Amino acid sequence: MVNKDEIISKVKAIMNEIGEEETNSSLLDEDTIKIDQYIESCIGDALAMIVLKSAIPVNPKKGTSNPVNNNDGTGYIVLPDDFLKLIAFKMEGWKRTVSEAFPLDSEKAKQQSNEYTRGGNNKPVCVLSYSPEGKKVLEYYSVTGSNHTVSVFVYEASYEPSSGINMESSDAVFYALCYMTAGLVYSIFENQATAEEMQKIAINYINNAVSH
Protein backbone atom coordinates (compact mmCIF):
# COMPACT_ATOMS: atom_id res chain seq x y z
CA MET A 1 0.00 0.00 0.00
CA VAL A 2 1.36 3.42 -0.95
CA ASN A 3 0.15 6.68 0.52
CA LYS A 4 -0.20 10.22 -0.77
CA ASP A 5 3.15 11.37 0.64
CA GLU A 6 5.07 8.57 -1.12
CA ILE A 7 3.46 9.45 -4.45
CA ILE A 8 4.13 13.18 -4.06
CA SER A 9 7.76 12.52 -3.10
CA LYS A 10 8.37 10.30 -6.13
CA VAL A 11 6.65 12.69 -8.54
CA LYS A 12 8.75 15.59 -7.24
CA ALA A 13 11.90 13.51 -7.72
CA ILE A 14 10.88 12.83 -11.32
CA MET A 15 10.15 16.51 -11.94
CA ASN A 16 13.43 17.59 -10.37
CA GLU A 17 15.31 15.28 -12.75
CA ILE A 18 13.47 16.82 -15.69
CA GLY A 19 14.04 20.32 -14.30
CA GLU A 20 17.79 19.80 -14.26
CA GLU A 21 17.62 19.29 -18.03
CA GLU A 22 15.39 22.33 -18.63
CA THR A 23 16.98 25.55 -17.44
CA ASN A 24 13.80 27.62 -17.74
CA SER A 25 11.23 25.47 -15.97
CA SER A 26 8.44 27.53 -14.43
CA LEU A 27 7.61 24.59 -12.18
CA LEU A 28 10.88 24.87 -10.33
CA ASP A 29 10.09 28.50 -9.52
CA GLU A 30 6.92 27.52 -7.65
CA ASP A 31 7.11 27.08 -3.87
CA THR A 32 7.07 23.59 -2.38
CA ILE A 33 3.55 23.82 -0.94
CA LYS A 34 2.05 24.78 -4.29
CA ILE A 35 3.89 21.98 -6.09
CA ASP A 36 2.59 19.47 -3.55
CA GLN A 37 -0.94 20.75 -4.10
CA TYR A 38 -0.65 20.52 -7.88
CA ILE A 39 0.64 16.94 -7.63
CA GLU A 40 -2.04 15.86 -5.16
CA SER A 41 -4.79 17.33 -7.36
CA CYS A 42 -3.62 15.16 -10.28
CA ILE A 43 -3.25 11.78 -8.52
CA GLY A 44 -6.90 10.75 -8.90
CA ASP A 45 -7.06 11.47 -12.64
CA ALA A 46 -3.66 9.81 -13.17
CA LEU A 47 -4.85 6.67 -11.39
CA ALA A 48 -8.01 6.52 -13.50
CA MET A 49 -5.93 6.84 -16.67
CA ILE A 50 -3.59 4.06 -15.56
CA VAL A 51 -6.53 1.80 -14.70
CA LEU A 52 -8.07 2.27 -18.16
CA LYS A 53 -4.81 1.53 -19.95
CA SER A 54 -3.55 -1.37 -17.83
CA ALA A 55 -4.32 -5.03 -18.46
CA ILE A 56 -3.28 -5.96 -14.91
CA PRO A 57 -4.85 -4.85 -11.60
CA VAL A 58 -3.70 -1.41 -10.44
CA ASN A 59 -5.71 -0.59 -7.31
CA PRO A 60 -7.79 -3.73 -6.61
CA LYS A 61 -10.38 -3.77 -3.87
CA LYS A 62 -12.80 -6.42 -2.65
CA GLY A 63 -16.42 -5.36 -2.79
CA THR A 64 -19.33 -6.40 -0.62
CA SER A 65 -22.86 -6.01 -1.89
CA ASN A 66 -26.22 -7.70 -1.47
CA PRO A 67 -27.65 -8.63 -4.87
CA VAL A 68 -31.12 -7.54 -5.91
CA ASN A 69 -33.03 -10.52 -7.33
CA ASN A 70 -35.30 -9.68 -10.29
CA ASN A 71 -37.03 -13.06 -9.86
CA ASP A 72 -36.32 -14.08 -13.45
CA GLY A 73 -32.79 -15.41 -12.98
CA THR A 74 -31.26 -11.97 -13.38
CA GLY A 75 -30.30 -9.34 -10.84
CA TYR A 76 -27.90 -6.57 -9.99
CA ILE A 77 -25.65 -5.16 -7.31
CA VAL A 78 -25.27 -1.47 -6.50
CA LEU A 79 -21.70 -0.43 -7.25
CA PRO A 80 -19.52 1.27 -4.62
CA ASP A 81 -18.93 5.01 -5.02
CA ASP A 82 -15.23 4.39 -5.69
CA PHE A 83 -15.85 1.86 -8.50
CA LEU A 84 -13.74 2.45 -11.63
CA LYS A 85 -13.56 -0.87 -13.46
CA LEU A 86 -14.51 -4.51 -12.96
CA ILE A 87 -11.70 -6.98 -12.25
CA ALA A 88 -13.63 -10.13 -11.28
CA PHE A 89 -17.25 -11.00 -10.55
CA LYS A 90 -18.87 -14.37 -9.94
CA MET A 91 -22.21 -15.55 -8.62
CA GLU A 92 -22.50 -18.89 -6.84
CA GLY A 93 -23.37 -21.52 -9.44
CA TRP A 94 -21.49 -19.87 -12.28
CA LYS A 95 -18.91 -22.01 -14.06
CA ARG A 96 -16.58 -19.08 -14.72
CA THR A 97 -15.64 -15.66 -13.40
CA VAL A 98 -16.55 -12.55 -15.41
CA SER A 99 -13.73 -10.02 -15.87
CA GLU A 100 -15.47 -7.52 -18.15
CA ALA A 101 -18.63 -5.48 -17.75
CA PHE A 102 -20.24 -4.40 -21.02
CA PRO A 103 -21.58 -0.86 -21.56
CA LEU A 104 -25.35 -0.46 -21.53
CA ASP A 105 -25.47 0.54 -25.20
CA SER A 106 -23.35 -2.38 -26.42
CA GLU A 107 -24.67 -5.22 -28.58
CA LYS A 108 -23.79 -7.69 -25.82
CA ALA A 109 -25.92 -5.74 -23.36
CA LYS A 110 -28.87 -5.68 -25.76
CA GLN A 111 -28.72 -9.48 -26.06
CA GLN A 112 -29.39 -9.79 -22.33
CA SER A 113 -32.96 -8.50 -22.71
CA ASN A 114 -33.88 -11.76 -24.46
CA GLU A 115 -34.03 -14.85 -22.24
CA TYR A 116 -32.86 -17.01 -25.15
CA THR A 117 -29.73 -15.00 -25.92
CA ARG A 118 -28.72 -13.85 -22.44
CA GLY A 119 -25.86 -15.30 -20.44
CA GLY A 120 -26.24 -18.20 -18.04
CA ASN A 121 -24.28 -20.31 -15.58
CA ASN A 122 -21.87 -21.53 -18.26
CA LYS A 123 -21.29 -18.21 -20.02
CA PRO A 124 -22.41 -15.44 -17.65
CA VAL A 125 -22.47 -11.78 -18.65
CA CYS A 126 -22.24 -8.53 -16.67
CA VAL A 127 -23.52 -5.13 -17.80
CA LEU A 128 -22.93 -1.66 -16.38
CA SER A 129 -26.30 0.00 -15.88
CA TYR A 130 -28.46 2.06 -13.54
CA SER A 131 -31.03 1.12 -10.93
CA PRO A 132 -34.56 2.59 -10.94
CA GLU A 133 -33.23 5.03 -8.31
CA GLY A 134 -30.47 6.18 -10.66
CA LYS A 135 -27.59 4.46 -8.88
CA LYS A 136 -24.77 2.83 -10.85
CA VAL A 137 -25.21 -0.94 -10.81
CA LEU A 138 -23.70 -4.12 -12.21
CA GLU A 139 -26.37 -6.30 -13.80
CA TYR A 140 -25.66 -10.04 -13.95
CA TYR A 141 -27.05 -12.63 -16.38
CA SER A 142 -28.01 -15.05 -15.12
CA VAL A 143 -28.49 -17.47 -12.18
CA THR A 144 -30.37 -20.75 -12.08
CA GLY A 145 -32.61 -21.00 -9.03
CA SER A 146 -33.65 -18.48 -6.42
CA ASN A 147 -30.37 -18.35 -4.46
CA HIS A 148 -28.50 -15.24 -5.58
CA THR A 149 -25.19 -15.04 -3.73
CA VAL A 150 -22.05 -13.19 -4.79
CA SER A 151 -18.95 -15.36 -4.38
CA VAL A 152 -16.36 -13.03 -5.98
CA PHE A 153 -16.40 -9.25 -6.45
CA VAL A 154 -13.13 -7.40 -7.04
CA TYR A 155 -12.89 -4.03 -8.73
CA GLU A 156 -10.52 -1.18 -9.50
CA ALA A 157 -11.07 1.55 -6.93
CA SER A 158 -10.64 5.27 -7.45
CA TYR A 159 -8.17 7.34 -5.46
CA GLU A 160 -8.99 7.95 -1.81
CA PRO A 161 -6.26 9.96 -0.01
CA SER A 162 -7.14 8.60 3.43
CA SER A 163 -6.80 4.93 2.44
CA GLY A 164 -3.89 5.04 -0.01
CA ILE A 165 -3.51 2.92 -3.14
CA ASN A 166 -3.23 -0.87 -3.18
CA MET A 167 0.24 -1.22 -4.75
CA GLU A 168 3.87 -1.31 -3.65
CA SER A 169 6.44 1.42 -4.31
CA SER A 170 8.56 -1.17 -6.16
CA ASP A 171 5.74 -2.07 -8.58
CA ALA A 172 5.87 -0.99 -12.22
CA VAL A 173 2.34 0.40 -11.88
CA PHE A 174 3.56 2.72 -9.10
CA TYR A 175 6.16 4.21 -11.44
CA ALA A 176 3.50 4.42 -14.14
CA LEU A 177 1.21 6.29 -11.76
CA CYS A 178 3.92 8.75 -10.74
CA TYR A 179 4.99 9.52 -14.31
CA MET A 180 1.35 9.92 -15.38
CA THR A 181 0.79 12.28 -12.45
CA ALA A 182 3.88 14.29 -13.41
CA GLY A 183 2.57 14.47 -16.96
CA LEU A 184 -0.73 15.94 -15.79
CA VAL A 185 1.08 18.52 -13.66
CA TYR A 186 3.14 19.58 -16.67
CA SER A 187 -0.10 19.88 -18.62
CA ILE A 188 -1.38 22.37 -16.06
CA PHE A 189 1.66 24.51 -16.82
CA GLU A 190 1.06 24.05 -20.56
CA ASN A 191 4.32 22.21 -21.07
CA GLN A 192 2.77 19.74 -23.49
CA ALA A 193 6.00 18.28 -24.84
CA THR A 194 7.19 17.19 -21.40
CA ALA A 195 3.66 16.10 -20.42
CA GLU A 196 3.48 13.78 -23.43
CA GLU A 197 6.93 12.38 -22.70
CA MET A 198 5.91 11.61 -19.10
CA GLN A 199 2.76 9.85 -20.32
CA LYS A 200 4.77 7.76 -22.79
CA ILE A 201 7.08 6.63 -20.02
CA ALA A 202 4.06 5.75 -17.87
CA ILE A 203 2.60 3.60 -20.66
CA ASN A 204 5.97 1.85 -21.11
CA TYR A 205 5.94 0.90 -17.43
CA ILE A 206 2.43 -0.52 -17.82
CA ASN A 207 3.45 -2.54 -20.88
CA ASN A 208 6.54 -3.87 -19.15
CA ALA A 209 4.47 -4.89 -16.14
CA VAL A 210 2.14 -6.85 -18.41
CA SER A 211 4.95 -8.57 -20.28
CA HIS A 212 6.56 -9.72 -17.05
C-alpha atoms as a PDB file:
ATOM      1  CA  MET A   1       0.000   0.000   0.000  1.00  0.00           C
ATOM      2  CA  VAL A   2       1.364   3.423  -0.952  1.00  0.00           C
ATOM      3  CA  ASN A   3       0.153   6.682   0.524  1.00  0.00           C
ATOM      4  CA  LYS A   4      -0.196  10.224  -0.768  1.00  0.00           C
ATOM      5  CA  ASP A   5       3.153  11.368   0.640  1.00  0.00           C
ATOM      6  CA  GLU A   6       5.066   8.567  -1.123  1.00  0.00           C
ATOM      7  CA  ILE A   7       3.456   9.450  -4.450  1.00  0.00           C
ATOM      8  CA  ILE A   8       4.129  13.180  -4.056  1.00  0.00           C
ATOM      9  CA  SER A   9       7.759  12.515  -3.095  1.00  0.00           C
ATOM     10  CA  LYS A  10       8.369  10.299  -6.129  1.00  0.00           C
ATOM     11  CA  VAL A  11       6.647  12.691  -8.540  1.00  0.00           C
ATOM     12  CA  LYS A  12       8.750  15.590  -7.235  1.00  0.00           C
ATOM     13  CA  ALA A  13      11.900  13.514  -7.722  1.00  0.00           C
ATOM     14  CA  ILE A  14      10.876  12.830 -11.325  1.00  0.00           C
ATOM     15  CA  MET A  15      10.150  16.509 -11.936  1.00  0.00           C
ATOM     16  CA  ASN A  16      13.433  17.591 -10.367  1.00  0.00           C
ATOM     17  CA  GLU A  17      15.307  15.285 -12.748  1.00  0.00           C
ATOM     18  CA  ILE A  18      13.465  16.823 -15.690  1.00  0.00           C
ATOM     19  CA  GLY A  19      14.041  20.317 -14.303  1.00  0.00           C
ATOM     20  CA  GLU A  20      17.790  19.802 -14.260  1.00  0.00           C
ATOM     21  CA  GLU A  21      17.624  19.289 -18.026  1.00  0.00           C
ATOM     22  CA  GLU A  22      15.386  22.328 -18.633  1.00  0.00           C
ATOM     23  CA  THR A  23      16.979  25.549 -17.438  1.00  0.00           C
ATOM     24  CA  ASN A  24      13.797  27.622 -17.739  1.00  0.00           C
ATOM     25  CA  SER A  25      11.231  25.467 -15.975  1.00  0.00           C
ATOM     26  CA  SER A  26       8.436  27.525 -14.427  1.00  0.00           C
ATOM     27  CA  LEU A  27       7.607  24.592 -12.175  1.00  0.00           C
ATOM     28  CA  LEU A  28      10.881  24.869 -10.333  1.00  0.00           C
ATOM     29  CA  ASP A  29      10.087  28.499  -9.518  1.00  0.00           C
ATOM     30  CA  GLU A  30       6.916  27.517  -7.654  1.00  0.00           C
ATOM     31  CA  ASP A  31       7.113  27.080  -3.874  1.00  0.00           C
ATOM     32  CA  THR A  32       7.067  23.586  -2.375  1.00  0.00           C
ATOM     33  CA  ILE A  33       3.550  23.825  -0.939  1.00  0.00           C
ATOM     34  CA  LYS A  34       2.046  24.778  -4.288  1.00  0.00           C
ATOM     35  CA  ILE A  35       3.893  21.978  -6.087  1.00  0.00           C
ATOM     36  CA  ASP A  36       2.591  19.466  -3.546  1.00  0.00           C
ATOM     37  CA  GLN A  37      -0.937  20.753  -4.098  1.00  0.00           C
ATOM     38  CA  TYR A  38      -0.645  20.517  -7.878  1.00  0.00           C
ATOM     39  CA  ILE A  39       0.639  16.939  -7.635  1.00  0.00           C
ATOM     40  CA  GLU A  40      -2.039  15.860  -5.163  1.00  0.00           C
ATOM     41  CA  SER A  41      -4.785  17.330  -7.362  1.00  0.00           C
ATOM     42  CA  CYS A  42      -3.615  15.157 -10.281  1.00  0.00           C
ATOM     43  CA  ILE A  43      -3.250  11.784  -8.523  1.00  0.00           C
ATOM     44  CA  GLY A  44      -6.897  10.755  -8.898  1.00  0.00           C
ATOM     45  CA  ASP A  45      -7.057  11.467 -12.637  1.00  0.00           C
ATOM     46  CA  ALA A  46      -3.664   9.813 -13.172  1.00  0.00           C
ATOM     47  CA  LEU A  47      -4.848   6.669 -11.386  1.00  0.00           C
ATOM     48  CA  ALA A  48      -8.015   6.524 -13.498  1.00  0.00           C
ATOM     49  CA  MET A  49      -5.933   6.836 -16.672  1.00  0.00           C
ATOM     50  CA  ILE A  50      -3.588   4.056 -15.564  1.00  0.00           C
ATOM     51  CA  VAL A  51      -6.527   1.797 -14.702  1.00  0.00           C
ATOM     52  CA  LEU A  52      -8.073   2.265 -18.159  1.00  0.00           C
ATOM     53  CA  LYS A  53      -4.812   1.532 -19.947  1.00  0.00           C
ATOM     54  CA  SER A  54      -3.549  -1.366 -17.831  1.00  0.00           C
ATOM     55  CA  ALA A  55      -4.320  -5.035 -18.465  1.00  0.00           C
ATOM     56  CA  ILE A  56      -3.284  -5.955 -14.912  1.00  0.00           C
ATOM     57  CA  PRO A  57      -4.853  -4.851 -11.601  1.00  0.00           C
ATOM     58  CA  VAL A  58      -3.701  -1.415 -10.436  1.00  0.00           C
ATOM     59  CA  ASN A  59      -5.706  -0.590  -7.306  1.00  0.00           C
ATOM     60  CA  PRO A  60      -7.789  -3.727  -6.612  1.00  0.00           C
ATOM     61  CA  LYS A  61     -10.377  -3.765  -3.865  1.00  0.00           C
ATOM     62  CA  LYS A  62     -12.801  -6.417  -2.647  1.00  0.00           C
ATOM     63  CA  GLY A  63     -16.418  -5.356  -2.794  1.00  0.00           C
ATOM     64  CA  THR A  64     -19.331  -6.402  -0.621  1.00  0.00           C
ATOM     65  CA  SER A  65     -22.858  -6.010  -1.894  1.00  0.00           C
ATOM     66  CA  ASN A  66     -26.223  -7.700  -1.474  1.00  0.00           C
ATOM     67  CA  PRO A  67     -27.648  -8.629  -4.874  1.00  0.00           C
ATOM     68  CA  VAL A  68     -31.117  -7.535  -5.909  1.00  0.00           C
ATOM     69  CA  ASN A  69     -33.030 -10.523  -7.332  1.00  0.00           C
ATOM     70  CA  ASN A  70     -35.296  -9.680 -10.290  1.00  0.00           C
ATOM     71  CA  ASN A  71     -37.031 -13.061  -9.861  1.00  0.00           C
ATOM     72  CA  ASP A  72     -36.320 -14.077 -13.451  1.00  0.00           C
ATOM     73  CA  GLY A  73     -32.790 -15.414 -12.982  1.00  0.00           C
ATOM     74  CA  THR A  74     -31.262 -11.966 -13.382  1.00  0.00           C
ATOM     75  CA  GLY A  75     -30.299  -9.340 -10.844  1.00  0.00           C
ATOM     76  CA  TYR A  76     -27.903  -6.573  -9.995  1.00  0.00           C
ATOM     77  CA  ILE A  77     -25.645  -5.158  -7.306  1.00  0.00           C
ATOM     78  CA  VAL A  78     -25.269  -1.474  -6.504  1.00  0.00           C
ATOM     79  CA  LEU A  79     -21.697  -0.432  -7.255  1.00  0.00           C
ATOM     80  CA  PRO A  80     -19.518   1.272  -4.620  1.00  0.00           C
ATOM     81  CA  ASP A  81     -18.933   5.007  -5.015  1.00  0.00           C
ATOM     82  CA  ASP A  82     -15.230   4.385  -5.694  1.00  0.00           C
ATOM     83  CA  PHE A  83     -15.845   1.860  -8.498  1.00  0.00           C
ATOM     84  CA  LEU A  84     -13.740   2.450 -11.632  1.00  0.00           C
ATOM     85  CA  LYS A  85     -13.556  -0.872 -13.461  1.00  0.00           C
ATOM     86  CA  LEU A  86     -14.508  -4.505 -12.959  1.00  0.00           C
ATOM     87  CA  ILE A  87     -11.703  -6.984 -12.249  1.00  0.00           C
ATOM     88  CA  ALA A  88     -13.628 -10.129 -11.278  1.00  0.00           C
ATOM     89  CA  PHE A  89     -17.252 -11.005 -10.545  1.00  0.00           C
ATOM     90  CA  LYS A  90     -18.875 -14.369  -9.935  1.00  0.00           C
ATOM     91  CA  MET A  91     -22.205 -15.546  -8.622  1.00  0.00           C
ATOM     92  CA  GLU A  92     -22.499 -18.885  -6.843  1.00  0.00           C
ATOM     93  CA  GLY A  93     -23.367 -21.518  -9.437  1.00  0.00           C
ATOM     94  CA  TRP A  94     -21.486 -19.872 -12.278  1.00  0.00           C
ATOM     95  CA  LYS A  95     -18.913 -22.007 -14.064  1.00  0.00           C
ATOM     96  CA  ARG A  96     -16.581 -19.082 -14.716  1.00  0.00           C
ATOM     97  CA  THR A  97     -15.636 -15.663 -13.403  1.00  0.00           C
ATOM     98  CA  VAL A  98     -16.550 -12.554 -15.411  1.00  0.00           C
ATOM     99  CA  SER A  99     -13.734 -10.022 -15.867  1.00  0.00           C
ATOM    100  CA  GLU A 100     -15.473  -7.521 -18.152  1.00  0.00           C
ATOM    101  CA  ALA A 101     -18.631  -5.478 -17.746  1.00  0.00           C
ATOM    102  CA  PHE A 102     -20.244  -4.398 -21.018  1.00  0.00           C
ATOM    103  CA  PRO A 103     -21.579  -0.861 -21.558  1.00  0.00           C
ATOM    104  CA  LEU A 104     -25.352  -0.455 -21.526  1.00  0.00           C
ATOM    105  CA  ASP A 105     -25.474   0.545 -25.199  1.00  0.00           C
ATOM    106  CA  SER A 106     -23.352  -2.384 -26.416  1.00  0.00           C
ATOM    107  CA  GLU A 107     -24.666  -5.217 -28.580  1.00  0.00           C
ATOM    108  CA  LYS A 108     -23.790  -7.694 -25.822  1.00  0.00           C
ATOM    109  CA  ALA A 109     -25.919  -5.743 -23.361  1.00  0.00           C
ATOM    110  CA  LYS A 110     -28.871  -5.677 -25.757  1.00  0.00           C
ATOM    111  CA  GLN A 111     -28.723  -9.475 -26.057  1.00  0.00           C
ATOM    112  CA  GLN A 112     -29.393  -9.793 -22.328  1.00  0.00           C
ATOM    113  CA  SER A 113     -32.961  -8.502 -22.708  1.00  0.00           C
ATOM    114  CA  ASN A 114     -33.877 -11.756 -24.462  1.00  0.00           C
ATOM    115  CA  GLU A 115     -34.033 -14.848 -22.242  1.00  0.00           C
ATOM    116  CA  TYR A 116     -32.864 -17.012 -25.153  1.00  0.00           C
ATOM    117  CA  THR A 117     -29.725 -14.999 -25.922  1.00  0.00           C
ATOM    118  CA  ARG A 118     -28.718 -13.848 -22.440  1.00  0.00           C
ATOM    119  CA  GLY A 119     -25.862 -15.300 -20.440  1.00  0.00           C
ATOM    120  CA  GLY A 120     -26.244 -18.201 -18.044  1.00  0.00           C
ATOM    121  CA  ASN A 121     -24.279 -20.311 -15.582  1.00  0.00           C
ATOM    122  CA  ASN A 122     -21.870 -21.535 -18.263  1.00  0.00           C
ATOM    123  CA  LYS A 123     -21.295 -18.206 -20.022  1.00  0.00           C
ATOM    124  CA  PRO A 124     -22.405 -15.441 -17.648  1.00  0.00           C
ATOM    125  CA  VAL A 125     -22.471 -11.784 -18.648  1.00  0.00           C
ATOM    126  CA  CYS A 126     -22.244  -8.532 -16.672  1.00  0.00           C
ATOM    127  CA  VAL A 127     -23.518  -5.126 -17.797  1.00  0.00           C
ATOM    128  CA  LEU A 128     -22.932  -1.656 -16.379  1.00  0.00           C
ATOM    129  CA  SER A 129     -26.298   0.000 -15.883  1.00  0.00           C
ATOM    130  CA  TYR A 130     -28.463   2.058 -13.536  1.00  0.00           C
ATOM    131  CA  SER A 131     -31.033   1.120 -10.934  1.00  0.00           C
ATOM    132  CA  PRO A 132     -34.559   2.594 -10.942  1.00  0.00           C
ATOM    133  CA  GLU A 133     -33.230   5.031  -8.307  1.00  0.00           C
ATOM    134  CA  GLY A 134     -30.472   6.179 -10.656  1.00  0.00           C
ATOM    135  CA  LYS A 135     -27.589   4.457  -8.878  1.00  0.00           C
ATOM    136  CA  LYS A 136     -24.774   2.826 -10.849  1.00  0.00           C
ATOM    137  CA  VAL A 137     -25.210  -0.944 -10.812  1.00  0.00           C
ATOM    138  CA  LEU A 138     -23.700  -4.121 -12.207  1.00  0.00           C
ATOM    139  CA  GLU A 139     -26.371  -6.303 -13.801  1.00  0.00           C
ATOM    140  CA  TYR A 140     -25.661 -10.039 -13.953  1.00  0.00           C
ATOM    141  CA  TYR A 141     -27.046 -12.631 -16.381  1.00  0.00           C
ATOM    142  CA  SER A 142     -28.014 -15.053 -15.116  1.00  0.00           C
ATOM    143  CA  VAL A 143     -28.487 -17.465 -12.185  1.00  0.00           C
ATOM    144  CA  THR A 144     -30.372 -20.745 -12.080  1.00  0.00           C
ATOM    145  CA  GLY A 145     -32.607 -21.002  -9.029  1.00  0.00           C
ATOM    146  CA  SER A 146     -33.647 -18.482  -6.415  1.00  0.00           C
ATOM    147  CA  ASN A 147     -30.366 -18.354  -4.459  1.00  0.00           C
ATOM    148  CA  HIS A 148     -28.505 -15.245  -5.582  1.00  0.00           C
ATOM    149  CA  THR A 149     -25.189 -15.043  -3.734  1.00  0.00           C
ATOM    150  CA  VAL A 150     -22.052 -13.190  -4.795  1.00  0.00           C
ATOM    151  CA  SER A 151     -18.947 -15.359  -4.381  1.00  0.00           C
ATOM    152  CA  VAL A 152     -16.356 -13.027  -5.982  1.00  0.00           C
ATOM    153  CA  PHE A 153     -16.401  -9.251  -6.451  1.00  0.00           C
ATOM    154  CA  VAL A 154     -13.126  -7.405  -7.040  1.00  0.00           C
ATOM    155  CA  TYR A 155     -12.892  -4.029  -8.726  1.00  0.00           C
ATOM    156  CA  GLU A 156     -10.517  -1.179  -9.501  1.00  0.00           C
ATOM    157  CA  ALA A 157     -11.068   1.546  -6.932  1.00  0.00           C
ATOM    158  CA  SER A 158     -10.639   5.272  -7.450  1.00  0.00           C
ATOM    159  CA  TYR A 159      -8.168   7.344  -5.455  1.00  0.00           C
ATOM    160  CA  GLU A 160      -8.989   7.950  -1.811  1.00  0.00           C
ATOM    161  CA  PRO A 161      -6.261   9.958  -0.009  1.00  0.00           C
ATOM    162  CA  SER A 162      -7.139   8.601   3.429  1.00  0.00           C
ATOM    163  CA  SER A 163      -6.795   4.934   2.444  1.00  0.00           C
ATOM    164  CA  GLY A 164      -3.891   5.042  -0.008  1.00  0.00           C
ATOM    165  CA  ILE A 165      -3.507   2.918  -3.139  1.00  0.00           C
ATOM    166  CA  ASN A 166      -3.225  -0.867  -3.179  1.00  0.00           C
ATOM    167  CA  MET A 167       0.236  -1.216  -4.747  1.00  0.00           C
ATOM    168  CA  GLU A 168       3.874  -1.306  -3.648  1.00  0.00           C
ATOM    169  CA  SER A 169       6.443   1.423  -4.311  1.00  0.00           C
ATOM    170  CA  SER A 170       8.556  -1.168  -6.157  1.00  0.00           C
ATOM    171  CA  ASP A 171       5.738  -2.065  -8.581  1.00  0.00           C
ATOM    172  CA  ALA A 172       5.869  -0.989 -12.216  1.00  0.00           C
ATOM    173  CA  VAL A 173       2.342   0.404 -11.882  1.00  0.00           C
ATOM    174  CA  PHE A 174       3.563   2.719  -9.102  1.00  0.00           C
ATOM    175  CA  TYR A 175       6.160   4.213 -11.437  1.00  0.00           C
ATOM    176  CA  ALA A 176       3.504   4.418 -14.143  1.00  0.00           C
ATOM    177  CA  LEU A 177       1.205   6.290 -11.764  1.00  0.00           C
ATOM    178  CA  CYS A 178       3.925   8.752 -10.741  1.00  0.00           C
ATOM    179  CA  TYR A 179       4.987   9.516 -14.314  1.00  0.00           C
ATOM    180  CA  MET A 180       1.351   9.922 -15.379  1.00  0.00           C
ATOM    181  CA  THR A 181       0.792  12.280 -12.447  1.00  0.00           C
ATOM    182  CA  ALA A 182       3.884  14.285 -13.413  1.00  0.00           C
ATOM    183  CA  GLY A 183       2.568  14.471 -16.961  1.00  0.00           C
ATOM    184  CA  LEU A 184      -0.734  15.938 -15.786  1.00  0.00           C
ATOM    185  CA  VAL A 185       1.079  18.523 -13.664  1.00  0.00           C
ATOM    186  CA  TYR A 186       3.145  19.581 -16.671  1.00  0.00           C
ATOM    187  CA  SER A 187      -0.105  19.883 -18.625  1.00  0.00           C
ATOM    188  CA  ILE A 188      -1.384  22.370 -16.058  1.00  0.00           C
ATOM    189  CA  PHE A 189       1.664  24.513 -16.816  1.00  0.00           C
ATOM    190  CA  GLU A 190       1.061  24.054 -20.557  1.00  0.00           C
ATOM    191  CA  ASN A 191       4.324  22.212 -21.066  1.00  0.00           C
ATOM    192  CA  GLN A 192       2.771  19.736 -23.488  1.00  0.00           C
ATOM    193  CA  ALA A 193       6.004  18.285 -24.844  1.00  0.00           C
ATOM    194  CA  THR A 194       7.187  17.190 -21.398  1.00  0.00           C
ATOM    195  CA  ALA A 195       3.664  16.103 -20.424  1.00  0.00           C
ATOM    196  CA  GLU A 196       3.480  13.785 -23.432  1.00  0.00           C
ATOM    197  CA  GLU A 197       6.934  12.380 -22.702  1.00  0.00           C
ATOM    198  CA  MET A 198       5.908  11.605 -19.102  1.00  0.00           C
ATOM    199  CA  GLN A 199       2.763   9.849 -20.321  1.00  0.00           C
ATOM    200  CA  LYS A 200       4.765   7.763 -22.792  1.00  0.00           C
ATOM    201  CA  ILE A 201       7.084   6.629 -20.015  1.00  0.00           C
ATOM    202  CA  ALA A 202       4.058   5.753 -17.874  1.00  0.00           C
ATOM    203  CA  ILE A 203       2.599   3.598 -20.659  1.00  0.00           C
ATOM    204  CA  ASN A 204       5.966   1.848 -21.107  1.00  0.00           C
ATOM    205  CA  TYR A 205       5.936   0.900 -17.426  1.00  0.00           C
ATOM    206  CA  ILE A 206       2.430  -0.525 -17.816  1.00  0.00           C
ATOM    207  CA  ASN A 207       3.451  -2.540 -20.883  1.00  0.00           C
ATOM    208  CA  ASN A 208       6.543  -3.874 -19.147  1.00  0.00           C
ATOM    209  CA  ALA A 209       4.473  -4.887 -16.137  1.00  0.00           C
ATOM    210  CA  VAL A 210       2.137  -6.853 -18.407  1.00  0.00           C
ATOM    211  CA  SER A 211       4.951  -8.569 -20.277  1.00  0.00           C
ATOM    212  CA  HIS A 212       6.559  -9.722 -17.049  1.00  0.00           C
END
